[in-house]
C-alpha atoms as a PDB file:
ATOM      1  CA  MET A   1      13.960 -20.765  71.749  1.00  0.00           C
ATOM      2  CA  SER A   2      10.444 -19.444  72.257  1.00  0.00           C
ATOM      3  CA  ALA A   3       7.835 -19.664  69.527  1.00  0.00           C
ATOM      4  CA  ALA A   4       7.333 -15.885  69.585  1.00  0.00           C
ATOM      5  CA  ARG A   5      11.015 -15.236  68.931  1.00  0.00           C
ATOM      6  CA  GLU A   6      11.084 -17.649  66.002  1.00  0.00           C
ATOM      7  CA  ALA A   7       7.752 -16.627  64.495  1.00  0.00           C
ATOM      8  CA  TRP A   8       7.887 -12.853  64.992  1.00  0.00           C
ATOM      9  CA  VAL A   9      11.022 -11.346  66.508  1.00  0.00           C
ATOM     10  CA  LEU A  10      13.698 -12.840  64.242  1.00  0.00           C
ATOM     11  CA  PRO A  11      11.832 -12.558  60.900  1.00  0.00           C
ATOM     12  CA  LEU A  12      10.748  -8.983  61.598  1.00  0.00           C
ATOM     13  CA  ALA A  13      14.222  -7.985  62.792  1.00  0.00           C
ATOM     14  CA  PHE A  14      16.037  -9.419  59.776  1.00  0.00           C
ATOM     15  CA  LEU A  15      13.461  -8.151  57.282  1.00  0.00           C
ATOM     16  CA  THR A  16      13.702  -4.681  58.837  1.00  0.00           C
ATOM     17  CA  VAL A  17      17.482  -4.800  58.429  1.00  0.00           C
ATOM     18  CA  ALA A  18      17.060  -5.909  54.799  1.00  0.00           C
ATOM     19  CA  LEU A  19      14.726  -2.958  54.169  1.00  0.00           C
ATOM     20  CA  LEU A  20      16.739  -0.293  56.004  1.00  0.00           C
ATOM     21  CA  GLY A  21      20.041  -1.531  54.570  1.00  0.00           C
ATOM     22  CA  GLY A  22      18.880  -0.785  51.041  1.00  0.00           C
ATOM     23  CA  LEU A  23      17.484   2.686  51.698  1.00  0.00           C
ATOM     24  CA  GLU A  24      19.231   5.602  50.026  1.00  0.00           C
ATOM     25  CA  PRO A  25      17.687   8.756  51.527  1.00  0.00           C
ATOM     26  CA  GLY A  26      18.052  11.885  49.477  1.00  0.00           C
ATOM     27  CA  THR A  27      18.764  10.125  46.163  1.00  0.00           C
ATOM     28  CA  ARG A  28      16.770   9.433  43.027  1.00  0.00           C
ATOM     29  CA  THR A  29      16.536   5.731  43.824  1.00  0.00           C
ATOM     30  CA  PRO A  30      15.246   5.407  47.406  1.00  0.00           C
ATOM     31  CA  PHE A  31      15.983   1.669  47.577  1.00  0.00           C
ATOM     32  CA  VAL A  32      19.059  -0.132  46.221  1.00  0.00           C
ATOM     33  CA  ALA A  33      19.278  -3.910  45.829  1.00  0.00           C
ATOM     34  CA  PRO A  34      22.517  -5.543  47.004  1.00  0.00           C
ATOM     35  CA  PRO A  35      25.152  -6.102  44.298  1.00  0.00           C
ATOM     36  CA  VAL A  36      26.326  -9.577  43.372  1.00  0.00           C
ATOM     37  CA  PHE A  37      29.497  -9.291  45.441  1.00  0.00           C
ATOM     38  CA  ALA A  38      27.425  -8.476  48.533  1.00  0.00           C
ATOM     39  CA  LEU A  39      25.569 -11.757  47.972  1.00  0.00           C
ATOM     40  CA  VAL A  40      28.893 -13.604  47.828  1.00  0.00           C
ATOM     41  CA  LEU A  41      30.035 -11.986  51.083  1.00  0.00           C
ATOM     42  CA  ALA A  42      26.690 -12.801  52.703  1.00  0.00           C
ATOM     43  CA  LEU A  43      26.945 -16.452  51.650  1.00  0.00           C
ATOM     44  CA  VAL A  44      30.395 -16.740  53.225  1.00  0.00           C
ATOM     45  CA  LEU A  45      29.285 -15.053  56.447  1.00  0.00           C
ATOM     46  CA  VAL A  46      26.177 -17.229  56.791  1.00  0.00           C
ATOM     47  CA  ALA A  47      28.412 -20.283  56.409  1.00  0.00           C
ATOM     48  CA  ILE A  48      30.646 -18.898  59.179  1.00  0.00           C
ATOM     49  CA  ILE A  49      27.596 -18.272  61.376  1.00  0.00           C
ATOM     50  CA  VAL A  50      26.554 -21.910  61.010  1.00  0.00           C
ATOM     51  CA  ARG A  51      30.106 -23.248  61.424  1.00  0.00           C
ATOM     52  CA  SER A  52      30.649 -21.263  64.633  1.00  0.00           C
ATOM     53  CA  GLY A  53      27.496 -22.632  66.228  1.00  0.00           C
ATOM     54  CA  THR A  54      25.793 -19.231  66.292  1.00  0.00           C
ATOM     55  CA  LEU A  55      22.959 -20.770  64.297  1.00  0.00           C
ATOM     56  CA  ALA A  56      21.799 -24.375  64.417  1.00  0.00           C
ATOM     57  CA  PRO A  57      19.774 -24.929  61.215  1.00  0.00           C
ATOM     58  CA  ASP A  58      18.377 -28.218  62.539  1.00  0.00           C
ATOM     59  CA  ARG A  59      16.627 -26.265  65.296  1.00  0.00           C
ATOM     60  CA  LEU A  60      14.702 -24.360  62.638  1.00  0.00           C
ATOM     61  CA  VAL A  61      14.107 -27.054  60.013  1.00  0.00           C
ATOM     62  CA  ASN A  62      13.998 -30.788  60.768  1.00  0.00           C
ATOM     63  CA  GLY A  63      11.771 -33.801  60.284  1.00  0.00           C
ATOM     64  CA  SER A  64      10.292 -33.736  63.787  1.00  0.00           C
ATOM     65  CA  ARG A  65       8.750 -30.294  63.332  1.00  0.00           C
ATOM     66  CA  SER A  66       5.410 -29.537  61.727  1.00  0.00           C
ATOM     67  CA  PRO A  67       5.298 -28.219  58.143  1.00  0.00           C
ATOM     68  CA  LEU A  68       4.247 -24.796  59.421  1.00  0.00           C
ATOM     69  CA  ALA A  69       7.159 -24.683  61.871  1.00  0.00           C
ATOM     70  CA  ASN A  70       9.610 -25.755  59.154  1.00  0.00           C
ATOM     71  CA  ALA A  71       8.239 -23.060  56.832  1.00  0.00           C
ATOM     72  CA  ASN A  72       8.728 -20.475  59.559  1.00  0.00           C
ATOM     73  CA  GLY A  73      12.296 -21.691  60.137  1.00  0.00           C
ATOM     74  CA  ALA A  74      13.020 -21.411  56.417  1.00  0.00           C
ATOM     75  CA  VAL A  75      11.718 -17.828  56.468  1.00  0.00           C
ATOM     76  CA  VAL A  76      14.124 -17.014  59.314  1.00  0.00           C
ATOM     77  CA  MET A  77      17.117 -18.357  57.371  1.00  0.00           C
ATOM     78  CA  LEU A  78      16.127 -16.586  54.154  1.00  0.00           C
ATOM     79  CA  ALA A  79      15.611 -13.351  56.070  1.00  0.00           C
ATOM     80  CA  LEU A  80      19.045 -13.817  57.663  1.00  0.00           C
ATOM     81  CA  PHE A  81      20.656 -14.094  54.234  1.00  0.00           C
ATOM     82  CA  ALA A  82      18.772 -11.064  52.891  1.00  0.00           C
ATOM     83  CA  ALA A  83      19.696  -8.961  55.920  1.00  0.00           C
ATOM     84  CA  THR A  84      23.356  -9.995  55.722  1.00  0.00           C
ATOM     85  CA  SER A  85      23.492  -9.047  52.038  1.00  0.00           C
ATOM     86  CA  GLN A  86      22.044  -5.619  52.729  1.00  0.00           C
ATOM     87  CA  VAL A  87      24.409  -5.011  55.650  1.00  0.00           C
ATOM     88  CA  PHE A  88      27.376  -5.521  53.323  1.00  0.00           C
ATOM     89  CA  ASN A  89      25.657  -3.307  50.763  1.00  0.00           C
ATOM     90  CA  LEU A  90      25.171  -0.656  53.443  1.00  0.00           C
ATOM     91  CA  LEU A  91      28.763  -0.719  54.690  1.00  0.00           C
ATOM     92  CA  SER A  92      30.445  -0.763  51.278  1.00  0.00           C
ATOM     93  CA  PRO A  93      31.461   2.531  49.667  1.00  0.00           C
ATOM     94  CA  ARG A  94      29.589   3.298  46.470  1.00  0.00           C
ATOM     95  CA  SER A  95      32.429   3.710  43.965  1.00  0.00           C
ATOM     96  CA  GLY A  96      36.108   4.143  43.264  1.00  0.00           C
ATOM     97  CA  LEU A  97      39.114   2.785  45.076  1.00  0.00           C
ATOM     98  CA  PRO A  98      37.383   2.613  48.507  1.00  0.00           C
ATOM     99  CA  LEU A  99      34.783   0.204  47.089  1.00  0.00           C
ATOM    100  CA  VAL A 100      37.444  -2.136  45.676  1.00  0.00           C
ATOM    101  CA  ALA A 101      39.625  -1.940  48.789  1.00  0.00           C
ATOM    102  CA  VAL A 102      36.794  -2.534  51.291  1.00  0.00           C
ATOM    103  CA  ASN A 103      35.245  -5.409  49.334  1.00  0.00           C
ATOM    104  CA  GLY A 104      38.609  -7.099  48.884  1.00  0.00           C
ATOM    105  CA  PHE A 105      39.467  -6.655  52.552  1.00  0.00           C
ATOM    106  CA  LEU A 106      36.112  -8.044  53.698  1.00  0.00           C
ATOM    107  CA  PHE A 107      36.386 -11.060  51.409  1.00  0.00           C
ATOM    108  CA  VAL A 108      39.868 -11.977  52.650  1.00  0.00           C
ATOM    109  CA  LEU A 109      38.858 -11.347  56.259  1.00  0.00           C
ATOM    110  CA  LEU A 110      35.792 -13.583  55.972  1.00  0.00           C
ATOM    111  CA  LEU A 111      37.777 -16.387  54.347  1.00  0.00           C
ATOM    112  CA  ASN A 112      40.331 -16.192  57.140  1.00  0.00           C
ATOM    113  CA  THR A 113      37.538 -16.268  59.728  1.00  0.00           C
ATOM    114  CA  PHE A 114      35.991 -19.313  58.063  1.00  0.00           C
ATOM    115  CA  VAL A 115      39.307 -21.186  58.215  1.00  0.00           C
ATOM    116  CA  ALA A 116      39.921 -20.115  61.829  1.00  0.00           C
ATOM    117  CA  ALA A 117      36.474 -21.469  62.827  1.00  0.00           C
ATOM    118  CA  PRO A 118      35.765 -19.216  65.834  1.00  0.00           C
ATOM    119  CA  ASP A 119      33.111 -20.054  68.383  1.00  0.00           C
ATOM    120  CA  ARG A 120      29.883 -18.107  68.813  1.00  0.00           C
ATOM    121  CA  VAL A 121      31.161 -15.507  71.269  1.00  0.00           C
ATOM    122  CA  ARG A 122      34.337 -14.756  69.309  1.00  0.00           C
ATOM    123  CA  LEU A 123      32.423 -14.477  66.059  1.00  0.00           C
ATOM    124  CA  LEU A 124      29.938 -11.979  67.505  1.00  0.00           C
ATOM    125  CA  ARG A 125      32.790  -9.913  68.923  1.00  0.00           C
ATOM    126  CA  SER A 126      34.583  -9.977  65.577  1.00  0.00           C
ATOM    127  CA  LEU A 127      31.457  -8.854  63.747  1.00  0.00           C
ATOM    128  CA  VAL A 128      31.065  -5.917  66.124  1.00  0.00           C
ATOM    129  CA  VAL A 129      34.629  -4.827  65.305  1.00  0.00           C
ATOM    130  CA  ILE A 130      34.247  -5.397  61.537  1.00  0.00           C
ATOM    131  CA  CYS A 131      30.919  -3.578  61.271  1.00  0.00           C
ATOM    132  CA  GLY A 132      32.145  -0.765  63.494  1.00  0.00           C
ATOM    133  CA  ALA A 133      35.325  -0.244  61.478  1.00  0.00           C
ATOM    134  CA  ALA A 134      33.465  -0.285  58.150  1.00  0.00           C
ATOM    135  CA  PHE A 135      30.870   2.128  59.547  1.00  0.00           C
ATOM    136  CA  VAL A 136      33.528   4.611  60.681  1.00  0.00           C
ATOM    137  CA  LEU A 137      35.317   4.381  57.329  1.00  0.00           C
ATOM    138  CA  LYS A 138      32.238   5.061  55.215  1.00  0.00           C
ATOM    139  CA  PHE A 139      30.073   7.328  57.355  1.00  0.00           C
ATOM    140  CA  VAL A 140      32.776   9.268  59.193  1.00  0.00           C
ATOM    141  CA  ILE A 141      36.025   9.359  57.202  1.00  0.00           C
ATOM    142  CA  LEU A 142      34.779   9.135  53.614  1.00  0.00           C
ATOM    143  CA  ALA A 143      31.687  11.206  54.388  1.00  0.00           C
ATOM    144  CA  GLY A 144      33.910  13.896  55.871  1.00  0.00           C
ATOM    145  CA  LEU A 145      36.198  13.896  52.846  1.00  0.00           C
ATOM    146  CA  SER A 146      33.211  14.079  50.499  1.00  0.00           C
ATOM    147  CA  ASP A 147      31.471  16.926  52.313  1.00  0.00           C
ATOM    148  CA  PRO A 148      31.323  19.850  49.829  1.00  0.00           C
ATOM    149  CA  GLU A 149      31.186  22.368  52.704  1.00  0.00           C
ATOM    150  CA  GLY A 150      34.240  21.081  54.512  1.00  0.00           C
ATOM    151  CA  SER A 151      37.195  23.062  55.794  1.00  0.00           C
ATOM    152  CA  ARG A 152      40.274  24.131  53.867  1.00  0.00           C
ATOM    153  CA  THR A 153      42.216  21.256  55.430  1.00  0.00           C
ATOM    154  CA  ARG A 154      39.671  18.815  54.057  1.00  0.00           C
ATOM    155  CA  ARG A 155      39.993  20.282  50.576  1.00  0.00           C
ATOM    156  CA  VAL A 156      43.770  19.963  50.732  1.00  0.00           C
ATOM    157  CA  LEU A 157      43.532  16.324  51.847  1.00  0.00           C
ATOM    158  CA  VAL A 158      41.020  15.552  49.105  1.00  0.00           C
ATOM    159  CA  ALA A 159      43.287  17.127  46.516  1.00  0.00           C
ATOM    160  CA  LEU A 160      46.228  15.029  47.730  1.00  0.00           C
ATOM    161  CA  PHE A 161      44.208  11.822  47.763  1.00  0.00           C
ATOM    162  CA  ASP A 162      42.704  12.545  44.350  1.00  0.00           C
ATOM    163  CA  ALA A 163      46.167  13.099  42.907  1.00  0.00           C
ATOM    164  CA  ALA A 164      47.392   9.808  44.399  1.00  0.00           C
ATOM    165  CA  THR A 165      44.314   7.768  43.490  1.00  0.00           C
ATOM    166  CA  LEU A 166      43.317   9.390  40.183  1.00  0.00           C
ATOM    167  CA  GLY A 167      40.254  11.017  41.726  1.00  0.00           C
ATOM    168  CA  THR A 168      38.648   7.792  42.927  1.00  0.00           C
ATOM    169  CA  ILE A 169      38.506   8.304  46.705  1.00  0.00           C
ATOM    170  CA  THR A 170      35.704  10.820  47.120  1.00  0.00           C
ATOM    171  CA  GLN A 171      32.098   9.640  47.271  1.00  0.00           C
ATOM    172  CA  ASP A 172      28.758  11.281  46.656  1.00  0.00           C
ATOM    173  CA  PRO A 173      27.747  13.384  49.693  1.00  0.00           C
ATOM    174  CA  LEU A 174      25.563  11.531  52.187  1.00  0.00           C
ATOM    175  CA  PRO A 175      22.551  13.144  53.888  1.00  0.00           C
ATOM    176  CA  GLY A 176      22.834  13.716  57.616  1.00  0.00           C
ATOM    177  CA  VAL A 177      20.259  11.042  58.451  1.00  0.00           C
ATOM    178  CA  ALA A 178      22.177   8.312  56.590  1.00  0.00           C
ATOM    179  CA  GLY A 179      24.707   7.748  59.369  1.00  0.00           C
ATOM    180  CA  TYR A 180      22.057   7.459  62.080  1.00  0.00           C
ATOM    181  CA  LEU A 181      19.978   5.091  59.963  1.00  0.00           C
ATOM    182  CA  ALA A 182      23.012   2.917  59.218  1.00  0.00           C
ATOM    183  CA  PHE A 183      24.018   2.796  62.880  1.00  0.00           C
ATOM    184  CA  ALA A 184      20.526   1.660  63.953  1.00  0.00           C
ATOM    185  CA  THR A 185      20.480  -0.953  61.183  1.00  0.00           C
ATOM    186  CA  ILE A 186      23.820  -2.453  62.218  1.00  0.00           C
ATOM    187  CA  VAL A 187      22.851  -2.578  65.896  1.00  0.00           C
ATOM    188  CA  LEU A 188      19.558  -4.304  65.064  1.00  0.00           C
ATOM    189  CA  TYR A 189      21.389  -6.824  62.865  1.00  0.00           C
ATOM    190  CA  LEU A 190      23.908  -7.717  65.591  1.00  0.00           C
ATOM    191  CA  ILE A 191      21.140  -8.090  68.185  1.00  0.00           C
ATOM    192  CA  ALA A 192      19.202 -10.384  65.852  1.00  0.00           C
ATOM    193  CA  LEU A 193      22.325 -12.522  65.326  1.00  0.00           C
ATOM    194  CA  ALA A 194      22.692 -12.911  69.088  1.00  0.00           C
ATOM    195  CA  LEU A 195      19.059 -14.099  69.282  1.00  0.00           C
ATOM    196  CA  LEU A 196      19.525 -16.922  66.756  1.00  0.00           C
ATOM    197  CA  PRO A 197      19.145 -20.451  68.168  1.00  0.00           C
ATOM    198  CA  PRO A 198      22.696 -21.701  68.807  1.00  0.00           C
ATOM    199  CA  VAL A 199      24.016 -25.243  68.701  1.00  0.00           C
ATOM    200  CA  ARG A 200      23.412 -27.174  71.903  1.00  0.00           C
ATOM    201  CA  ARG A 201      26.857 -28.199  73.104  1.00  0.00           C
ATOM    202  CA  ALA A 202      27.456 -31.068  75.506  1.00  0.00           C
ATOM    203  CA  HIS A 203      29.585 -30.600  78.606  1.00  0.00           C
ATOM    204  CA  THR A 204      33.173 -31.189  77.464  1.00  0.00           C
ATOM    205  CA  ASP A 205      35.094 -30.338  80.639  1.00  0.00           C
ATOM    206  CA  PRO A 206      37.611 -33.203  81.131  1.00  0.00           C
ATOM    207  CA  GLY A 207      37.418 -32.754  84.889  1.00  0.00           C
ATOM    208  CA  PHE A 208      33.666 -33.138  84.926  1.00  0.00           C
ATOM    209  CA  VAL A 209      32.412 -36.439  86.342  1.00  0.00           C
ATOM    210  CA  GLN A 210      28.729 -37.186  86.273  1.00  0.00           C
ATOM    211  CA  VAL A 211      27.577 -38.706  89.541  1.00  0.00           C
ATOM    212  CA  PRO A 212      24.595 -41.026  89.135  1.00  0.00           C
ATOM    213  CA  HIS A 213      21.495 -40.353  91.139  1.00  0.00           C
ATOM    214  CA  PRO A 214      21.223 -42.686  94.156  1.00  0.00           C
ATOM    215  CA  GLY A 215      17.854 -43.916  92.928  1.00  0.00           C
ATOM    216  CA  THR A 216      19.367 -45.123  89.654  1.00  0.00           C
ATOM    217  CA  MET A 217      22.262 -47.132  91.163  1.00  0.00           C
ATOM    218  CA  ARG A 218      22.000 -50.879  90.950  1.00  0.00           C
ATOM    219  CA  ARG A 219      23.334 -53.348  93.461  1.00  0.00           C
ATOM    220  CA  PRO A 220      25.847 -55.875  92.201  1.00  0.00           C
END
């Protein structure tokens, strides 16, 4: 991994995600800190990222590096945790039954992923699907149901859902820019994950036979 990527690209990318993930445009509080449960989800996902080989912590912090390089590596890992927390905060509904259902589903899904121990490629693909599904649920489906200027069909569906869920499915209306901002934040987060220094894996192909160089062969 290049020094520029470690010193500038990754910290700036993750810190940007942490900032954008907490923005609440059009509300009284323009920035929202992640709740405690988002920190728990982030801790589990970071552990999965390390277990899958997507991130090799020893390539960022180890005894052979200079103190400045180790400090920079620690900043990258802290920024990763902060960005992951804010991504879960961004994708979670704000209240009611959707908040409980999505958080519970994400927690069970992450625990199952941790036990399954996927490799780097499978984990990145899974995160694309998870983030995409949560994005559609919050910023397309729930935002459409919570739109005060929706169609008559929407009002009928909201009335049915409210009767079934005791009025806990609708959310506060989201401004139009919120969906675009969330989409850009998620894409930046996934790109930054793909740029993390992975674990260096040895060649494990059983059919692979290393042929010694002729100059290194010794005569009996």
